[in-house]
Amino acid sequence: MPEDDYRLASYDYALPPELVAQAPLAARDASRLLVLDRSTGGVEHGRFTELPERLRAGDLLVTNRSRVFPARLLGRRERGGKAEILLVRRRGGGVWDAMLRPGRRLRAGMSVLVGPGLRVLVEPDAVHESLPEHAPPGAETVVRAVRLLADGMSEDEALERFGHAPLPPYIRREPGDARREMDRQRYQTVFARVPGASAAPTAGLHFTPELLAGLAERGVESAFVTLHVGLGTFLPVREDDVARHRMHDEAYAIPQVTVAAIEACRGRSGRVVAVGTTVTRVLESIASAPEGLRAASGRTSLFIHPGFRFRAVDALVTNFHLPRSTLLMLVCAFAGRDRVLAAYREALREGYRFASYGDAMLVSAA
């Protein structure tokens, strides 16, 4: 493998701020679709509504049923000043791992008033002190344990009442922005079922019931897994040698019905099409285990970067990811760093919309 594939700087590129999508299009499936041939590097341009024509009868589309919960809490510190808390992992008993901002001013024992009847107490346990890749420039963000103190309501009721959609900070929303209500619906896939994610599996945001019906009519079958996005996706790569980066684990599950669907797809020479990097990580985590493909649940810390041997996924639907991110590295591992970055350069020239609310890619072999 080329030495440059291990260098963090090799995954950098200039992303103009105006190309980072700030809101979804009026229709979910109206996004543009860049089609990258992972064998040749050839690129075609189309629309997401054309996805059924790009897939084949006998292919298997695997989606992530993870459901985003209102994980972002906005409040004021007990000594004054705004505070923001993003819940990323439930420990139980009201205790969560959370990303705090401004982190340096939220020390153990301090509390944040979120709303009437909901206070968040900062616990002594520091989980990971780091600036996450999704944090805005200059933000002081740390990851610590916090305790939710809800008065007269359950924890889930408090989150539904006071929580906001956990948009990444590069999507800007001012207080009172009318788009916040829209975000609750649109920052969620139409097949979301299992609550627990602190960020949406964004490749799935493009799908509509009508598009899924069109895929079924085409003869493309569907199956699902679950992976709840958490710190593994949020935290940045700090090592110059990317192979030394260690992912935080994230919860996943794959049912027997999906295992059977994958085996049937292989039997008819169809392709397994992963909708997003989250699905890819689940399928490859299972396929890489000594037991091979099987029904399972647990936590995965699999970091896929160039040099990884894919065993489960044949094609990938994904968004355009931020520079230096583990998500970009996964796509580069799948199709080759030079081909992916060349496709990104063309997408930039063509004015594609990047990141969570942006346009999509289909990466496959012709």
Protein backbone atom coordinates (compact mmCIF):
# COMPACT_ATOMS: atom_id res chain seq x y z
CA MET A 1 0.00 0.00 0.00
CA PRO A 2 1.36 3.50 -0.85
CA GLU A 3 2.96 5.23 2.12
CA ASP A 4 0.80 8.31 1.54
CA ASP A 5 -2.30 6.24 2.36
CA TYR A 6 -1.15 6.22 5.99
CA ARG A 7 -0.59 10.01 6.24
CA LEU A 8 -3.36 12.10 7.78
CA ALA A 9 -2.52 15.01 5.47
CA SER A 10 -3.33 12.79 2.50
CA TYR A 11 -7.03 13.02 3.40
CA ASP A 12 -7.17 16.80 3.44
CA TYR A 13 -8.85 18.93 0.82
CA ALA A 14 -10.17 22.49 0.59
CA LEU A 15 -13.92 22.55 1.28
CA PRO A 16 -15.51 25.95 0.60
CA PRO A 17 -17.94 26.80 3.43
CA GLU A 18 -20.69 27.64 0.93
CA LEU A 19 -20.73 24.01 -0.26
CA VAL A 20 -21.55 22.66 3.21
CA ALA A 21 -25.31 22.15 3.02
CA GLN A 22 -27.19 24.08 5.71
CA ALA A 23 -30.64 22.59 5.05
CA PRO A 24 -32.09 19.64 3.17
CA LEU A 25 -33.71 20.01 -0.23
CA ALA A 26 -37.51 20.21 -0.37
CA ALA A 27 -37.71 16.55 -1.43
CA ARG A 28 -35.47 13.94 0.19
CA ASP A 29 -34.65 12.17 -3.08
CA ALA A 30 -34.00 15.39 -5.07
CA SER A 31 -30.29 15.26 -4.23
CA ARG A 32 -27.68 14.86 -6.91
CA LEU A 33 -25.91 11.51 -7.22
CA LEU A 34 -22.29 11.12 -8.24
CA VAL A 35 -21.59 7.58 -9.42
CA LEU A 36 -17.99 6.41 -8.97
CA ASP A 37 -16.74 3.21 -10.59
CA ARG A 38 -14.36 1.81 -7.98
CA SER A 39 -12.62 -0.32 -10.62
CA THR A 40 -11.78 2.39 -13.16
CA GLY A 41 -12.29 5.69 -11.35
CA GLY A 42 -14.89 6.73 -13.92
CA VAL A 43 -17.45 9.27 -12.77
CA GLU A 44 -21.03 9.90 -13.88
CA HIS A 45 -23.50 12.50 -12.67
CA GLY A 46 -27.18 11.94 -12.02
CA ARG A 47 -30.01 12.30 -9.52
CA PHE A 48 -30.79 10.19 -6.49
CA THR A 49 -34.17 9.31 -7.98
CA GLU A 50 -32.19 7.30 -10.56
CA LEU A 51 -30.80 4.92 -7.93
CA PRO A 52 -33.14 2.04 -8.92
CA GLU A 53 -31.73 2.24 -12.45
CA ARG A 54 -28.18 2.10 -11.08
CA LEU A 55 -28.80 -1.10 -9.13
CA ARG A 56 -29.69 -4.57 -10.41
CA ALA A 57 -32.35 -7.16 -9.79
CA GLY A 58 -30.96 -9.48 -7.16
CA ASP A 59 -28.97 -6.81 -5.32
CA LEU A 60 -29.55 -6.39 -1.58
CA LEU A 61 -29.88 -2.92 -0.08
CA VAL A 62 -28.87 -2.85 3.61
CA THR A 63 -30.01 0.15 5.68
CA ASN A 64 -29.43 1.34 9.25
CA ARG A 65 -32.60 1.43 11.39
CA SER A 66 -30.97 3.55 14.08
CA ARG A 67 -33.17 6.44 15.18
CA VAL A 68 -31.80 9.80 16.28
CA PHE A 69 -33.03 11.02 19.65
CA PRO A 70 -33.10 14.73 20.70
CA ALA A 71 -29.59 14.53 22.12
CA ARG A 72 -28.58 18.20 22.01
CA LEU A 73 -29.34 20.19 25.17
CA LEU A 74 -28.94 23.97 25.35
CA GLY A 75 -28.80 25.77 28.67
CA ARG A 76 -26.96 28.15 30.96
CA ARG A 77 -24.15 27.45 33.37
CA GLU A 78 -24.85 28.02 37.06
CA ARG A 79 -22.32 30.87 37.06
CA GLY A 80 -23.74 32.41 33.89
CA GLY A 81 -23.01 31.89 30.23
CA LYS A 82 -24.38 29.56 27.58
CA ALA A 83 -23.62 25.84 27.53
CA GLU A 84 -24.25 23.06 25.05
CA ILE A 85 -24.40 19.34 25.82
CA LEU A 86 -24.52 16.55 23.25
CA LEU A 87 -25.44 13.19 24.79
CA VAL A 88 -23.58 10.39 23.02
CA ARG A 89 -23.90 7.25 25.15
CA ARG A 90 -26.33 6.24 27.88
CA ARG A 91 -24.65 4.52 30.82
CA GLY A 92 -27.80 4.10 32.90
CA GLY A 93 -29.10 5.60 36.11
CA GLY A 94 -29.32 9.02 34.50
CA VAL A 95 -25.59 9.05 33.63
CA TRP A 96 -24.38 9.69 30.06
CA ASP A 97 -21.15 10.26 28.20
CA ALA A 98 -21.53 13.70 26.63
CA MET A 99 -19.67 16.30 24.61
CA LEU A 100 -19.62 19.61 26.51
CA ARG A 101 -19.04 23.10 25.22
CA PRO A 102 -17.40 25.26 26.49
CA GLY A 103 -15.63 22.25 27.94
CA ARG A 104 -12.96 24.03 29.93
CA ARG A 105 -15.61 25.97 31.87
CA LEU A 106 -17.74 22.95 32.69
CA ARG A 107 -15.77 21.24 35.43
CA ALA A 108 -16.82 18.40 37.71
CA GLY A 109 -19.56 19.39 40.15
CA MET A 110 -20.90 22.22 37.99
CA SER A 111 -24.39 22.14 36.58
CA VAL A 112 -26.29 23.46 33.58
CA LEU A 113 -29.95 24.52 33.76
CA VAL A 114 -31.61 23.32 30.56
CA GLY A 115 -35.24 24.16 31.39
CA PRO A 116 -37.84 24.02 34.15
CA GLY A 117 -37.32 20.67 35.83
CA LEU A 118 -34.16 19.63 33.96
CA ARG A 119 -30.63 20.18 35.18
CA VAL A 120 -27.42 18.51 34.01
CA LEU A 121 -24.66 17.83 36.54
CA VAL A 122 -21.06 17.36 35.35
CA GLU A 123 -19.60 14.21 36.89
CA PRO A 124 -15.91 13.73 37.86
CA ASP A 125 -15.31 11.13 35.15
CA ALA A 126 -13.46 12.58 32.13
CA VAL A 127 -14.04 10.29 29.16
CA HIS A 128 -11.98 11.88 26.43
CA GLU A 129 -10.64 15.42 26.31
CA SER A 130 -10.44 16.29 22.65
CA LEU A 131 -11.80 18.63 20.03
CA PRO A 132 -14.25 16.59 17.94
CA GLU A 133 -14.07 16.95 14.18
CA HIS A 134 -17.65 18.24 14.02
CA ALA A 135 -17.03 21.08 16.48
CA PRO A 136 -16.76 24.61 15.06
CA PRO A 137 -13.29 26.22 14.93
CA GLY A 138 -12.12 27.55 18.26
CA ALA A 139 -14.74 25.72 20.30
CA GLU A 140 -13.54 24.20 23.55
CA THR A 141 -15.16 20.79 23.64
CA VAL A 142 -14.46 17.93 26.02
CA VAL A 143 -16.17 14.60 26.59
CA ARG A 144 -17.20 13.88 30.17
CA ALA A 145 -19.78 11.94 32.12
CA VAL A 146 -22.91 13.91 33.05
CA ARG A 147 -26.00 13.15 35.12
CA LEU A 148 -29.49 14.21 34.04
CA LEU A 149 -31.57 15.45 36.95
CA ALA A 150 -35.21 15.56 35.84
CA ASP A 151 -37.91 16.71 38.23
CA GLY A 152 -41.41 15.30 37.81
CA MET A 153 -40.76 13.57 34.49
CA SER A 154 -38.83 10.62 33.11
CA GLU A 155 -35.48 11.07 31.44
CA ASP A 156 -36.96 10.36 27.99
CA GLU A 157 -39.81 12.81 28.60
CA ALA A 158 -37.28 15.48 29.54
CA LEU A 159 -35.30 14.90 26.35
CA GLU A 160 -38.42 15.07 24.20
CA ARG A 161 -39.44 18.30 25.91
CA PHE A 162 -36.10 20.13 25.99
CA GLY A 163 -33.83 18.31 23.53
CA HIS A 164 -33.00 19.41 19.99
CA ALA A 165 -32.05 17.45 16.90
CA PRO A 166 -28.31 16.72 17.27
CA LEU A 167 -27.19 18.53 14.13
CA PRO A 168 -23.44 18.78 13.63
CA PRO A 169 -22.17 22.29 14.51
CA TYR A 170 -21.28 23.05 10.89
CA ILE A 171 -25.05 23.26 10.30
CA ARG A 172 -25.82 26.62 11.84
CA ARG A 173 -29.07 27.30 13.70
CA GLU A 174 -29.63 30.50 15.65
CA PRO A 175 -32.03 30.56 18.63
CA GLY A 176 -35.59 30.70 17.38
CA ASP A 177 -34.67 29.45 13.91
CA ALA A 178 -37.88 28.07 12.41
CA ARG A 179 -35.90 25.27 10.76
CA ARG A 180 -35.37 23.56 14.12
CA GLU A 181 -38.79 21.90 13.90
CA MET A 182 -38.07 20.81 10.34
CA ASP A 183 -34.78 19.29 11.51
CA ARG A 184 -36.62 16.94 13.88
CA GLN A 185 -38.23 15.29 10.86
CA ARG A 186 -35.62 15.67 8.16
CA TYR A 187 -32.57 14.75 10.27
CA GLN A 188 -34.11 11.30 10.52
CA THR A 189 -34.40 8.51 7.95
CA VAL A 190 -37.77 7.18 6.86
CA PHE A 191 -36.75 3.70 8.05
CA ALA A 192 -35.52 4.78 11.51
CA ARG A 193 -36.95 2.48 14.19
CA VAL A 194 -34.48 1.92 17.06
CA PRO A 195 -33.74 5.01 19.22
CA GLY A 196 -30.18 5.61 20.36
CA ALA A 197 -28.16 7.60 17.81
CA SER A 198 -26.51 10.94 18.55
CA ALA A 199 -26.25 11.68 14.82
CA ALA A 200 -28.14 10.51 11.77
CA PRO A 201 -26.80 7.85 9.38
CA THR A 202 -26.92 10.54 6.72
CA ALA A 203 -26.69 8.38 3.59
CA GLY A 204 -30.17 7.16 4.48
CA LEU A 205 -31.65 10.67 4.50
CA HIS A 206 -32.10 10.58 0.71
CA PHE A 207 -34.56 7.69 0.69
CA THR A 208 -38.35 8.03 0.45
CA PRO A 209 -41.06 5.35 0.68
CA GLU A 210 -41.65 5.83 -3.05
CA LEU A 211 -37.99 5.29 -3.88
CA LEU A 212 -37.85 2.18 -1.71
CA ALA A 213 -40.93 0.88 -3.54
CA GLY A 214 -39.22 1.58 -6.86
CA LEU A 215 -36.18 -0.41 -5.76
CA ALA A 216 -38.41 -3.32 -4.79
CA GLU A 217 -40.13 -3.20 -8.19
CA ARG A 218 -36.69 -3.31 -9.77
CA GLY A 219 -36.01 -6.55 -7.91
CA VAL A 220 -33.67 -5.04 -5.32
CA GLU A 221 -34.30 -6.64 -1.93
CA SER A 222 -33.87 -4.89 1.42
CA ALA A 223 -32.50 -5.79 4.84
CA PHE A 224 -31.37 -3.81 7.86
CA VAL A 225 -28.87 -3.52 10.68
CA THR A 226 -28.55 -1.06 13.56
CA LEU A 227 -25.56 1.06 14.54
CA HIS A 228 -25.94 4.01 16.90
CA VAL A 229 -23.57 6.81 15.95
CA GLY A 230 -21.53 8.02 18.92
CA LEU A 231 -17.96 9.00 19.80
CA GLY A 232 -16.45 6.57 17.31
CA THR A 233 -17.76 8.72 14.49
CA PHE A 234 -17.41 12.11 16.20
CA LEU A 235 -13.84 12.10 17.41
CA PRO A 236 -11.12 13.19 14.99
CA VAL A 237 -7.95 11.46 13.89
CA ARG A 238 -5.04 13.03 15.76
CA GLU A 239 -2.27 10.67 14.69
CA ASP A 240 -0.16 11.59 11.66
CA ASP A 241 -0.07 7.86 10.93
CA VAL A 242 -3.78 7.09 10.55
CA ALA A 243 -3.24 3.39 11.27
CA ARG A 244 -2.49 4.35 14.88
CA HIS A 245 -5.91 5.96 15.40
CA ARG A 246 -8.21 4.10 17.79
CA MET A 247 -11.97 4.36 17.40
CA HIS A 248 -14.36 4.56 20.35
CA ASP A 249 -16.83 1.71 20.24
CA GLU A 250 -20.44 2.09 19.07
CA ALA A 251 -23.43 -0.18 19.65
CA TYR A 252 -24.63 -2.37 16.78
CA ALA A 253 -26.99 -5.25 16.02
CA ILE A 254 -27.54 -7.48 12.99
CA PRO A 255 -30.53 -9.88 13.03
CA GLN A 256 -30.67 -13.39 11.63
CA VAL A 257 -33.10 -12.28 8.90
CA THR A 258 -30.41 -9.96 7.53
CA VAL A 259 -27.75 -12.68 7.67
CA ALA A 260 -30.09 -14.96 5.70
CA ALA A 261 -30.77 -12.18 3.17
CA ILE A 262 -27.03 -11.64 2.62
CA GLU A 263 -26.43 -15.36 2.15
CA ALA A 264 -29.30 -15.53 -0.34
CA CYS A 265 -27.88 -12.50 -2.19
CA ARG A 266 -24.51 -14.23 -2.46
CA GLY A 267 -26.22 -17.37 -3.72
CA ARG A 268 -27.82 -15.51 -6.64
CA SER A 269 -24.62 -13.50 -7.39
CA GLY A 270 -26.20 -10.24 -6.31
CA ARG A 271 -24.38 -7.34 -4.73
CA VAL A 272 -24.61 -6.25 -1.10
CA VAL A 273 -25.21 -2.48 -1.22
CA ALA A 274 -24.47 -0.74 2.09
CA VAL A 275 -26.37 2.48 2.74
CA GLY A 276 -23.73 4.48 4.55
CA THR A 277 -20.51 4.02 6.46
CA THR A 278 -22.44 2.84 9.54
CA VAL A 279 -23.88 -0.17 7.70
CA THR A 280 -20.47 -0.87 6.22
CA ARG A 281 -18.86 -0.94 9.67
CA VAL A 282 -21.48 -3.35 11.01
CA LEU A 283 -21.25 -5.78 8.10
CA GLU A 284 -17.46 -5.71 7.96
CA SER A 285 -17.15 -6.04 11.75
CA ILE A 286 -19.18 -9.25 11.62
CA ALA A 287 -17.57 -10.61 8.44
CA SER A 288 -14.08 -10.01 9.86
CA ALA A 289 -14.76 -11.98 13.04
CA PRO A 290 -13.48 -15.57 13.32
CA GLU A 291 -17.05 -16.89 13.36
CA GLY A 292 -17.86 -15.08 10.11
CA LEU A 293 -21.25 -13.67 9.16
CA ARG A 294 -23.83 -14.35 11.88
CA ALA A 295 -26.57 -12.69 13.89
CA ALA A 296 -24.96 -10.65 16.65
CA SER A 297 -25.13 -7.54 18.80
CA GLY A 298 -22.50 -5.69 20.75
CA ARG A 299 -20.11 -2.81 20.23
CA THR A 300 -17.66 -2.25 17.40
CA SER A 301 -14.53 -0.11 17.30
CA LEU A 302 -13.60 -1.15 13.75
CA PHE A 303 -11.66 1.58 11.94
CA ILE A 304 -11.70 1.07 8.18
CA HIS A 305 -8.93 2.84 6.30
CA PRO A 306 -6.90 2.04 3.16
CA GLY A 307 -5.36 -1.40 3.42
CA PHE A 308 -8.56 -2.91 4.84
CA ARG A 309 -9.83 -6.05 3.14
CA PHE A 310 -13.56 -5.86 2.47
CA ARG A 311 -15.43 -9.13 2.90
CA ALA A 312 -19.12 -8.17 2.97
CA VAL A 313 -19.86 -4.99 1.03
CA ASP A 314 -19.90 -4.75 -2.78
CA ALA A 315 -21.34 -1.26 -3.30
CA LEU A 316 -21.75 1.81 -1.11
CA VAL A 317 -24.25 4.68 -0.98
CA THR A 318 -22.71 7.54 0.97
CA ASN A 319 -22.52 11.32 1.35
CA PHE A 320 -19.55 13.63 0.77
CA HIS A 321 -17.53 13.68 3.98
CA LEU A 322 -15.40 16.27 5.75
CA PRO A 323 -11.62 16.46 5.23
CA ARG A 324 -9.47 14.20 7.42
CA SER A 325 -12.49 12.32 8.76
CA THR A 326 -12.65 8.60 9.46
CA LEU A 327 -15.70 8.52 7.16
CA LEU A 328 -13.66 9.81 4.21
CA MET A 329 -10.96 7.25 5.00
CA LEU A 330 -13.52 4.43 4.86
CA VAL A 331 -14.68 5.51 1.40
CA CYS A 332 -11.03 5.77 0.29
CA ALA A 333 -10.43 2.25 1.57
CA PHE A 334 -13.35 1.01 -0.50
CA ALA A 335 -12.53 2.68 -3.81
CA GLY A 336 -8.93 3.89 -3.51
CA ARG A 337 -7.74 7.20 -2.14
CA ASP A 338 -6.68 8.70 -5.48
CA ARG A 339 -9.98 7.80 -7.17
CA VAL A 340 -12.11 9.06 -4.32
CA LEU A 341 -10.26 12.36 -3.97
CA ALA A 342 -10.39 12.86 -7.74
CA ALA A 343 -14.17 12.33 -7.58
CA TYR A 344 -14.36 14.82 -4.70
CA ARG A 345 -12.45 17.40 -6.77
CA GLU A 346 -14.94 16.98 -9.58
CA ALA A 347 -17.85 17.24 -7.14
CA LEU A 348 -16.39 20.51 -5.84
CA ARG A 349 -16.03 21.86 -9.37
CA GLU A 350 -19.62 20.87 -10.14
CA GLY A 351 -20.99 22.54 -7.00
CA TYR A 352 -22.21 19.43 -5.19
CA ARG A 353 -23.55 19.97 -1.67
CA PHE A 354 -21.35 18.40 1.04
CA ALA A 355 -21.86 16.83 4.48
CA SER A 356 -24.97 15.68 6.36
CA TYR A 357 -27.68 17.52 4.39
CA GLY A 358 -25.70 17.31 1.14
CA ASP A 359 -25.70 15.22 -2.02
CA ALA A 360 -24.88 11.52 -2.40
CA MET A 361 -22.41 9.14 -4.02
CA LEU A 362 -22.84 5.60 -5.28
CA VAL A 363 -19.56 3.73 -5.27
CA SER A 364 -19.59 0.40 -7.09
CA ALA A 365 -18.00 -1.59 -9.90
CA ALA A 366 -19.62 -1.47 -13.32
